[in-house]
PDB file of all heavy atoms in Angstrom:
ATOM      1  N   ALA A   1     101.182  61.207  58.684  1.00  0.00           N
ATOM      2  CA  ALA A   1      99.850  61.107  59.287  1.00  0.00           C
ATOM      3  C   ALA A   1      98.900  60.249  58.467  1.00  0.00           C
ATOM      4  O   ALA A   1      97.757  60.020  58.888  1.00  0.00           O
ATOM      5  CB  ALA A   1      99.264  62.510  59.462  1.00  0.00           C
ATOM      6  N   LEU A   2      99.342  59.784  57.322  1.00  0.00           N
ATOM      7  CA  LEU A   2      98.498  59.039  56.378  1.00  0.00           C
ATOM      8  C   LEU A   2      97.279  59.863  55.970  1.00  0.00           C
ATOM      9  O   LEU A   2      96.173  59.345  55.782  1.00  0.00           O
ATOM     10  CB  LEU A   2      98.051  57.691  56.961  1.00  0.00           C
ATOM     11  CG  LEU A   2      99.156  56.726  57.383  1.00  0.00           C
ATOM     12  CD1 LEU A   2      98.553  55.372  57.780  1.00  0.00           C
ATOM     13  CD2 LEU A   2     100.200  56.548  56.290  1.00  0.00           C
ATOM     14  N   SER A   3      97.510  61.170  55.803  1.00  0.00           N
ATOM     15  CA  SER A   3      96.432  62.059  55.379  1.00  0.00           C
ATOM     16  C   SER A   3      96.646  62.595  53.967  1.00  0.00           C
ATOM     17  O   SER A   3      95.735  63.173  53.376  1.00  0.00           O
ATOM     18  CB  SER A   3      96.315  63.239  56.353  1.00  0.00           C
ATOM     19  OG  SER A   3      97.522  63.986  56.392  1.00  0.00           O
ATOM     20  N   GLN A   4      97.854  62.412  53.435  1.00  0.00           N
ATOM     21  CA  GLN A   4      98.193  62.933  52.115  1.00  0.00           C
ATOM     22  C   GLN A   4      98.838  61.843  51.275  1.00  0.00           C
ATOM     23  O   GLN A   4      99.770  61.169  51.718  1.00  0.00           O
ATOM     24  CB  GLN A   4      99.156  64.119  52.251  1.00  0.00           C
ATOM     25  CG  GLN A   4      99.580  64.724  50.922  1.00  0.00           C
ATOM     26  CD  GLN A   4     100.629  65.815  51.095  1.00  0.00           C
ATOM     27  OE1 GLN A   4     101.017  66.139  52.220  1.00  0.00           O
ATOM     28  NE2 GLN A   4     101.111  66.366  49.997  1.00  0.00           N
ATOM     29  N   THR A   5      98.338  61.680  50.044  1.00  0.00           N
ATOM     30  CA  THR A   5      98.922  60.744  49.093  1.00  0.00           C
ATOM     31  C   THR A   5      99.947  61.464  48.231  1.00  0.00           C
ATOM     32  O   THR A   5      99.671  62.534  47.686  1.00  0.00           O
ATOM     33  CB  THR A   5      97.838  60.129  48.201  1.00  0.00           C
ATOM     34  OG1 THR A   5      96.905  59.414  49.021  1.00  0.00           O
ATOM     35  CG2 THR A   5      98.437  59.165  47.199  1.00  0.00           C
ATOM     36  N   LYS A   6     101.141  60.873  48.112  1.00  0.00           N
ATOM     37  CA  LYS A   6     102.214  61.479  47.343  1.00  0.00           C
ATOM     38  C   LYS A   6     102.533  60.618  46.114  1.00  0.00           C
ATOM     39  O   LYS A   6     101.915  59.576  45.897  1.00  0.00           O
ATOM     40  CB  LYS A   6     103.443  61.670  48.227  1.00  0.00           C
ATOM     41  CG  LYS A   6     103.191  62.590  49.422  1.00  0.00           C
ATOM     42  CD  LYS A   6     104.481  62.909  50.175  1.00  0.00           C
ATOM     43  CE  LYS A   6     104.241  63.906  51.281  1.00  0.00           C
ATOM     44  NZ  LYS A   6     105.505  64.325  51.952  1.00  0.00           N
ATOM     45  N   THR A   7     103.508  61.038  45.339  1.00  0.00           N
ATOM     46  CA  THR A   7     103.849  60.344  44.097  1.00  0.00           C
ATOM     47  C   THR A   7     104.298  58.916  44.390  1.00  0.00           C
ATOM     48  O   THR A   7     105.200  58.702  45.205  1.00  0.00           O
ATOM     49  CB  THR A   7     104.979  61.086  43.367  1.00  0.00           C
ATOM     50  OG1 THR A   7     104.572  62.429  43.120  1.00  0.00           O
ATOM     51  CG2 THR A   7     105.304  60.410  42.045  1.00  0.00           C
ATOM     52  N   PRO A   8     103.695  57.915  43.726  1.00  0.00           N
ATOM     53  CA  PRO A   8     104.085  56.521  43.965  1.00  0.00           C
ATOM     54  C   PRO A   8     105.311  56.132  43.151  1.00  0.00           C
ATOM     55  O   PRO A   8     105.706  56.827  42.206  1.00  0.00           O
ATOM     56  CB  PRO A   8     102.858  55.743  43.484  1.00  0.00           C
ATOM     57  CG  PRO A   8     102.341  56.579  42.342  1.00  0.00           C
ATOM     58  CD  PRO A   8     102.585  58.021  42.758  1.00  0.00           C
ATOM     59  N   GLY A   9     105.912  55.022  43.518  1.00  0.00           N
ATOM     60  CA  GLY A   9     106.934  54.403  42.695  1.00  0.00           C
ATOM     61  C   GLY A   9     106.295  53.424  41.733  1.00  0.00           C
ATOM     62  O   GLY A   9     105.203  52.904  41.980  1.00  0.00           O
ATOM     63  N   SER A  10     106.973  53.135  40.637  1.00  0.00           N
ATOM     64  CA  SER A  10     106.399  52.311  39.575  1.00  0.00           C
ATOM     65  C   SER A  10     106.553  50.820  39.811  1.00  0.00           C
ATOM     66  O   SER A  10     106.229  50.027  38.934  1.00  0.00           O
ATOM     67  CB  SER A  10     107.046  52.677  38.236  1.00  0.00           C
ATOM     68  OG  SER A  10     106.489  51.930  37.171  1.00  0.00           O
ATOM     69  N   PHE A  11     107.020  50.429  40.991  1.00  0.00           N
ATOM     70  CA  PHE A  11     107.125  49.003  41.317  1.00  0.00           C
ATOM     71  C   PHE A  11     106.919  48.839  42.819  1.00  0.00           C
ATOM     72  O   PHE A  11     107.494  49.578  43.611  1.00  0.00           O
ATOM     73  CB  PHE A  11     108.498  48.434  40.932  1.00  0.00           C
ATOM     74  CG  PHE A  11     108.590  46.939  41.102  1.00  0.00           C
ATOM     75  CD1 PHE A  11     108.418  46.102  40.014  1.00  0.00           C
ATOM     76  CD2 PHE A  11     108.798  46.366  42.347  1.00  0.00           C
ATOM     77  CE1 PHE A  11     108.464  44.719  40.165  1.00  0.00           C
ATOM     78  CE2 PHE A  11     108.859  44.995  42.516  1.00  0.00           C
ATOM     79  CZ  PHE A  11     108.684  44.162  41.416  1.00  0.00           C
ATOM     80  N   GLY A  12     106.112  47.846  43.211  1.00  0.00           N
ATOM     81  CA  GLY A  12     105.885  47.646  44.634  1.00  0.00           C
ATOM     82  C   GLY A  12     105.730  46.214  45.064  1.00  0.00           C
ATOM     83  O   GLY A  12     105.745  45.921  46.258  1.00  0.00           O
ATOM     84  N   TRP A  13     105.602  45.302  44.109  1.00  0.00           N
ATOM     85  CA  TRP A  13     105.259  43.936  44.456  1.00  0.00           C
ATOM     86  C   TRP A  13     106.351  43.240  45.259  1.00  0.00           C
ATOM     87  O   TRP A  13     107.490  43.129  44.822  1.00  0.00           O
ATOM     88  CB  TRP A  13     104.931  43.144  43.190  1.00  0.00           C
ATOM     89  CG  TRP A  13     104.954  41.653  43.347  1.00  0.00           C
ATOM     90  CD1 TRP A  13     105.694  40.783  42.610  1.00  0.00           C
ATOM     91  CD2 TRP A  13     104.226  40.856  44.284  1.00  0.00           C
ATOM     92  NE1 TRP A  13     105.466  39.502  43.022  1.00  0.00           N
ATOM     93  CE2 TRP A  13     104.571  39.499  44.053  1.00  0.00           C
ATOM     94  CE3 TRP A  13     103.315  41.144  45.300  1.00  0.00           C
ATOM     95  CZ2 TRP A  13     104.038  38.458  44.797  1.00  0.00           C
ATOM     96  CZ3 TRP A  13     102.786  40.110  46.052  1.00  0.00           C
ATOM     97  CH2 TRP A  13     103.144  38.779  45.792  1.00  0.00           C
ATOM     98  N   ASP A  14     105.985  42.758  46.438  1.00  0.00           N
ATOM     99  CA  ASP A  14     106.830  41.861  47.227  1.00  0.00           C
ATOM    100  C   ASP A  14     108.210  42.451  47.498  1.00  0.00           C
ATOM    101  O   ASP A  14     109.222  41.773  47.377  1.00  0.00           O
ATOM    102  CB  ASP A  14     106.951  40.515  46.501  1.00  0.00           C
ATOM    103  CG  ASP A  14     107.512  39.425  47.405  1.00  0.00           C
ATOM    104  OD1 ASP A  14     107.429  39.573  48.631  1.00  0.00           O
ATOM    105  OD2 ASP A  14     108.042  38.431  46.881  1.00  0.00           O
ATOM    106  N   ASP A  15     108.230  43.713  47.894  1.00  0.00           N
ATOM    107  CA  ASP A  15     109.509  44.372  48.126  1.00  0.00           C
ATOM    108  C   ASP A  15     109.332  45.442  49.190  1.00  0.00           C
ATOM    109  O   ASP A  15     108.312  46.142  49.205  1.00  0.00           O
ATOM    110  CB  ASP A  15     110.013  45.013  46.825  1.00  0.00           C
ATOM    111  CG  ASP A  15     111.355  45.691  46.987  1.00  0.00           C
ATOM    112  OD1 ASP A  15     112.327  44.993  47.337  1.00  0.00           O
ATOM    113  OD2 ASP A  15     111.443  46.907  46.759  1.00  0.00           O
ATOM    114  N   THR A  16     110.308  45.563  50.072  1.00  0.00           N
ATOM    115  CA  THR A  16     110.364  46.670  51.017  1.00  0.00           C
ATOM    116  C   THR A  16     111.501  47.572  50.571  1.00  0.00           C
ATOM    117  O   THR A  16     112.659  47.152  50.539  1.00  0.00           O
ATOM    118  CB  THR A  16     110.594  46.166  52.447  1.00  0.00           C
ATOM    119  OG1 THR A  16     109.512  45.286  52.804  1.00  0.00           O
ATOM    120  CG2 THR A  16     110.643  47.322  53.430  1.00  0.00           C
ATOM    121  N   ALA A  17     111.172  48.794  50.200  1.00  0.00           N
ATOM    122  CA  ALA A  17     112.162  49.700  49.629  1.00  0.00           C
ATOM    123  C   ALA A  17     113.281  49.989  50.624  1.00  0.00           C
ATOM    124  O   ALA A  17     113.049  50.132  51.823  1.00  0.00           O
ATOM    125  CB  ALA A  17     111.493  51.002  49.200  1.00  0.00           C
ATOM    126  N   SER A  18     114.515  50.076  50.107  1.00  0.00           N
ATOM    127  CA  SER A  18     115.681  50.404  50.929  1.00  0.00           C
ATOM    128  C   SER A  18     115.987  51.897  50.823  1.00  0.00           C
ATOM    129  O   SER A  18     115.871  52.485  49.745  1.00  0.00           O
ATOM    130  CB  SER A  18     116.901  49.599  50.474  1.00  0.00           C
ATOM    131  OG  SER A  18     116.649  48.207  50.567  1.00  0.00           O
ATOM    132  N   LEU A  19     116.392  52.495  51.944  1.00  0.00           N
ATOM    133  CA  LEU A  19     116.739  53.909  51.980  1.00  0.00           C
ATOM    134  C   LEU A  19     118.227  54.100  51.713  1.00  0.00           C
ATOM    135  O   LEU A  19     119.051  53.284  52.127  1.00  0.00           O
ATOM    136  CB  LEU A  19     116.404  54.495  53.348  1.00  0.00           C
ATOM    137  CG  LEU A  19     114.924  54.503  53.745  1.00  0.00           C
ATOM    138  CD1 LEU A  19     114.781  54.718  55.242  1.00  0.00           C
ATOM    139  CD2 LEU A  19     114.182  55.581  52.982  1.00  0.00           C
ATOM    140  N   MET A  20     118.570  55.194  51.044  1.00  0.00           N
ATOM    141  CA  MET A  20     119.982  55.525  50.865  1.00  0.00           C
ATOM    142  C   MET A  20     120.164  57.039  50.913  1.00  0.00           C
ATOM    143  O   MET A  20     119.296  57.794  50.449  1.00  0.00           O
ATOM    144  CB  MET A  20     120.528  54.967  49.552  1.00  0.00           C
ATOM    145  CG  MET A  20     119.940  55.556  48.304  1.00  0.00           C
ATOM    146  SD  MET A  20     120.885  55.083  46.811  1.00  0.00           S
ATOM    147  CE  MET A  20     120.809  53.308  46.870  1.00  0.00           C
ATOM    148  N   PRO A  21     121.282  57.529  51.467  1.00  0.00           N
ATOM    149  CA  PRO A  21     121.568  58.965  51.404  1.00  0.00           C
ATOM    150  C   PRO A  21     121.726  59.394  49.957  1.00  0.00           C
ATOM    151  O   PRO A  21     122.374  58.703  49.162  1.00  0.00           O
ATOM    152  CB  PRO A  21     122.885  59.098  52.174  1.00  0.00           C
ATOM    153  CG  PRO A  21     123.037  57.831  52.954  1.00  0.00           C
ATOM    154  CD  PRO A  21     122.338  56.775  52.170  1.00  0.00           C
ATOM    155  N   ALA A  22     121.166  60.533  49.608  1.00  0.00           N
ATOM    156  CA  ALA A  22     121.265  60.993  48.224  1.00  0.00           C
ATOM    157  C   ALA A  22     122.711  61.192  47.798  1.00  0.00           C
ATOM    158  O   ALA A  22     123.054  61.020  46.624  1.00  0.00           O
ATOM    159  CB  ALA A  22     120.478  62.292  48.051  1.00  0.00           C
ATOM    160  N   ALA A  23     123.583  61.506  48.754  1.00  0.00           N
ATOM    161  CA  ALA A  23     124.997  61.740  48.432  1.00  0.00           C
ATOM    162  C   ALA A  23     125.700  60.482  47.943  1.00  0.00           C
ATOM    163  O   ALA A  23     126.801  60.564  47.382  1.00  0.00           O
ATOM    164  CB  ALA A  23     125.718  62.290  49.662  1.00  0.00           C
ATOM    165  N   MET A  24     125.090  59.306  48.142  1.00  0.00           N
ATOM    166  CA  MET A  24     125.685  58.074  47.622  1.00  0.00           C
ATOM    167  C   MET A  24     125.771  58.063  46.106  1.00  0.00           C
ATOM    168  O   MET A  24     126.636  57.410  45.525  1.00  0.00           O
ATOM    169  CB  MET A  24     124.873  56.859  48.082  1.00  0.00           C
ATOM    170  CG  MET A  24     125.285  56.295  49.423  1.00  0.00           C
ATOM    171  SD  MET A  24     124.383  54.779  49.803  1.00  0.00           S
ATOM    172  CE  MET A  24     124.878  53.702  48.466  1.00  0.00           C
ATOM    173  N   VAL A  25     124.838  58.752  45.449  1.00  0.00           N
ATOM    174  CA  VAL A  25     124.793  58.770  43.988  1.00  0.00           C
ATOM    175  C   VAL A  25     125.397  60.095  43.534  1.00  0.00           C
ATOM    176  O   VAL A  25     124.729  61.140  43.561  1.00  0.00           O
ATOM    177  CB  VAL A  25     123.358  58.600  43.467  1.00  0.00           C
ATOM    178  CG1 VAL A  25     123.347  58.549  41.934  1.00  0.00           C
ATOM    179  CG2 VAL A  25     122.724  57.347  44.042  1.00  0.00           C
ATOM    180  N   THR A  26     126.652  60.070  43.135  1.00  0.00           N
ATOM    181  CA  THR A  26     127.376  61.303  42.838  1.00  0.00           C
ATOM    182  C   THR A  26     126.790  62.043  41.639  1.00  0.00           C
ATOM    183  O   THR A  26     126.951  63.261  41.511  1.00  0.00           O
ATOM    184  CB  THR A  26     128.860  60.996  42.580  1.00  0.00           C
ATOM    185  OG1 THR A  26     128.953  59.990  41.560  1.00  0.00           O
ATOM    186  CG2 THR A  26     129.531  60.479  43.839  1.00  0.00           C
ATOM    187  N   SER A  27     126.089  61.324  40.764  1.00  0.00           N
ATOM    188  CA  SER A  27     125.507  61.963  39.584  1.00  0.00           C
ATOM    189  C   SER A  27     124.156  62.618  39.879  1.00  0.00           C
ATOM    190  O   SER A  27     123.610  63.321  39.014  1.00  0.00           O
ATOM    191  CB  SER A  27     125.331  60.931  38.465  1.00  0.00           C
ATOM    192  OG  SER A  27     124.443  59.889  38.887  1.00  0.00           O
ATOM    193  N   TYR A  28     123.640  62.429  41.080  1.00  0.00           N
ATOM    194  CA  TYR A  28     122.305  62.946  41.408  1.00  0.00           C
ATOM    195  C   TYR A  28     122.347  64.458  41.583  1.00  0.00           C
ATOM    196  O   TYR A  28     123.199  64.990  42.303  1.00  0.00           O
ATOM    197  CB  TYR A  28     121.788  62.277  42.682  1.00  0.00           C
ATOM    198  CG  TYR A  28     120.444  62.798  43.157  1.00  0.00           C
ATOM    199  CD1 TYR A  28     119.295  62.627  42.382  1.00  0.00           C
ATOM    200  CD2 TYR A  28     120.334  63.478  44.368  1.00  0.00           C
ATOM    201  CE1 TYR A  28     118.075  63.106  42.808  1.00  0.00           C
ATOM    202  CE2 TYR A  28     119.107  63.944  44.810  1.00  0.00           C
ATOM    203  CZ  TYR A  28     117.974  63.766  44.023  1.00  0.00           C
ATOM    204  OH  TYR A  28     116.759  64.244  44.459  1.00  0.00           O
ATOM    205  N   THR A  29     121.422  65.162  40.953  1.00  0.00           N
ATOM    206  CA  THR A  29     121.379  66.624  41.019  1.00  0.00           C
ATOM    207  C   THR A  29     120.077  67.148  41.594  1.00  0.00           C
ATOM    208  O   THR A  29     119.824  68.354  41.567  1.00  0.00           O
ATOM    209  CB  THR A  29     121.583  67.222  39.619  1.00  0.00           C
ATOM    210  OG1 THR A  29     120.561  66.731  38.730  1.00  0.00           O
ATOM    211  CG2 THR A  29     122.957  66.874  39.065  1.00  0.00           C
ATOM    212  N   GLY A  30     119.225  66.269  42.124  1.00  0.00           N
ATOM    213  CA  GLY A  30     117.960  66.699  42.687  1.00  0.00           C
ATOM    214  C   GLY A  30     118.114  67.289  44.075  1.00  0.00           C
ATOM    215  O   GLY A  30     119.216  67.493  44.583  1.00  0.00           O
ATOM    216  N   THR A  31     116.977  67.506  44.724  1.00  0.00           N
ATOM    217  CA  THR A  31     116.963  68.192  46.015  1.00  0.00           C
ATOM    218  C   THR A  31     116.644  67.281  47.199  1.00  0.00           C
ATOM    219  O   THR A  31     116.746  67.712  48.344  1.00  0.00           O
ATOM    220  CB  THR A  31     115.931  69.328  45.988  1.00  0.00           C
ATOM    221  OG1 THR A  31     114.629  68.777  45.688  1.00  0.00           O
ATOM    222  CG2 THR A  31     116.298  70.369  44.941  1.00  0.00           C
ATOM    223  N   SER A  32     116.268  66.048  46.942  1.00  0.00           N
ATOM    224  CA  SER A  32     115.921  65.154  48.045  1.00  0.00           C
ATOM    225  C   SER A  32     117.179  64.764  48.819  1.00  0.00           C
ATOM    226  O   SER A  32     118.259  64.588  48.241  1.00  0.00           O
ATOM    227  CB  SER A  32     115.243  63.889  47.516  1.00  0.00           C
ATOM    228  OG  SER A  32     114.898  63.031  48.586  1.00  0.00           O
ATOM    229  N   THR A  33     117.040  64.626  50.132  1.00  0.00           N
ATOM    230  CA  THR A  33     118.181  64.204  50.962  1.00  0.00           C
ATOM    231  C   THR A  33     118.345  62.697  50.986  1.00  0.00           C
ATOM    232  O   THR A  33     119.377  62.188  51.414  1.00  0.00           O
ATOM    233  CB  THR A  33     118.010  64.703  52.401  1.00  0.00           C
ATOM    234  OG1 THR A  33     116.784  64.172  52.942  1.00  0.00           O
ATOM    235  CG2 THR A  33     117.981  66.222  52.447  1.00  0.00           C
ATOM    236  N   TYR A  34     117.322  61.971  50.556  1.00  0.00           N
ATOM    237  CA  TYR A  34     117.393  60.518  50.518  1.00  0.00           C
ATOM    238  C   TYR A  34     116.794  60.006  49.218  1.00  0.00           C
ATOM    239  O   TYR A  34     115.984  60.678  48.566  1.00  0.00           O
ATOM    240  CB  TYR A  34     116.667  59.895  51.716  1.00  0.00           C
ATOM    241  CG  TYR A  34     115.147  59.982  51.629  1.00  0.00           C
ATOM    242  CD1 TYR A  34     114.390  58.929  51.106  1.00  0.00           C
ATOM    243  CD2 TYR A  34     114.472  61.112  52.062  1.00  0.00           C
ATOM    244  CE1 TYR A  34     113.015  59.006  51.013  1.00  0.00           C
ATOM    245  CE2 TYR A  34     113.090  61.201  51.973  1.00  0.00           C
ATOM    246  CZ  TYR A  34     112.359  60.149  51.458  1.00  0.00           C
ATOM    247  OH  TYR A  34     110.996  60.230  51.355  1.00  0.00           O
ATOM    248  N   LEU A  35     117.197  58.816  48.833  1.00  0.00           N
ATOM    249  CA  LEU A  35     116.667  58.135  47.659  1.00  0.00           C
ATOM    250  C   LEU A  35     116.186  56.752  48.087  1.00  0.00           C
ATOM    251  O   LEU A  35     116.445  56.298  49.207  1.00  0.00           O
ATOM    252  CB  LEU A  35     117.740  58.031  46.573  1.00  0.00           C
ATOM    253  CG  LEU A  35     118.338  59.351  46.091  1.00  0.00           C
ATOM    254  CD1 LEU A  35     119.513  59.101  45.152  1.00  0.00           C
ATOM    255  CD2 LEU A  35     117.289  60.231  45.421  1.00  0.00           C
ATOM    256  N   LEU A  36     115.489  56.080  47.183  1.00  0.00           N
ATOM    257  CA  LEU A  36     114.930  54.758  47.458  1.00  0.00           C
ATOM    258  C   LEU A  36     115.472  53.749  46.466  1.00  0.00           C
ATOM    259  O   LEU A  36     115.543  54.027  45.265  1.00  0.00           O
ATOM    260  CB  LEU A  36     113.401  54.788  47.363  1.00  0.00           C
ATOM    261  CG  LEU A  36     112.690  55.702  48.357  1.00  0.00           C
ATOM    262  CD1 LEU A  36     111.276  55.986  47.899  1.00  0.00           C
ATOM    263  CD2 LEU A  36     112.672  55.080  49.746  1.00  0.00           C
ATOM    264  N   MET A  37     115.882  52.591  46.969  1.00  0.00           N
ATOM    265  CA  MET A  37     116.306  51.512  46.083  1.00  0.00           C
ATOM    266  C   MET A  37     115.215  50.439  46.080  1.00  0.00           C
ATOM    267  O   MET A  37     114.714  50.041  47.119  1.00  0.00           O
ATOM    268  CB  MET A  37     117.640  50.931  46.562  1.00  0.00           C
ATOM    269  CG  MET A  37     118.174  49.787  45.687  1.00  0.00           C
ATOM    270  SD  MET A  37     117.585  48.183  46.284  1.00  0.00           S
ATOM    271  CE  MET A  37     117.770  47.215  44.785  1.00  0.00           C
ATOM    272  N   SER A  38     114.846  49.979  44.886  1.00  0.00           N
ATOM    273  CA  SER A  38     113.772  49.003  44.751  1.00  0.00           C
ATOM    274  C   SER A  38     114.087  48.056  43.610  1.00  0.00           C
ATOM    275  O   SER A  38     114.752  48.426  42.634  1.00  0.00           O
ATOM    276  CB  SER A  38     112.442  49.717  44.459  1.00  0.00           C
ATOM    277  OG  SER A  38     111.404  48.807  44.162  1.00  0.00           O
ATOM    278  N   LYS A  39     113.624  46.815  43.711  1.00  0.00           N
ATOM    279  CA  LYS A  39     113.643  45.988  42.508  1.00  0.00           C
ATOM    280  C   LYS A  39     112.645  46.590  41.529  1.00  0.00           C
ATOM    281  O   LYS A  39     111.729  47.343  41.916  1.00  0.00           O
ATOM    282  CB  LYS A  39     113.365  44.527  42.821  1.00  0.00           C
ATOM    283  CG  LYS A  39     111.996  44.173  43.392  1.00  0.00           C
ATOM    284  CD  LYS A  39     111.927  42.675  43.661  1.00  0.00           C
ATOM    285  CE  LYS A  39     110.612  42.296  44.335  1.00  0.00           C
ATOM    286  NZ  LYS A  39     110.554  40.860  44.677  1.00  0.00           N
TER     287      LYS A  39
END
């Protein structure tokens, strides 16, 4: 809704972040179902 600001990423210039299933990273132990790939 663009009503809540959440934690930003530390890089944003000239890039559209790519989505990936969290299961792609076998070492990942967090709770998110998706991760973000960015330069």
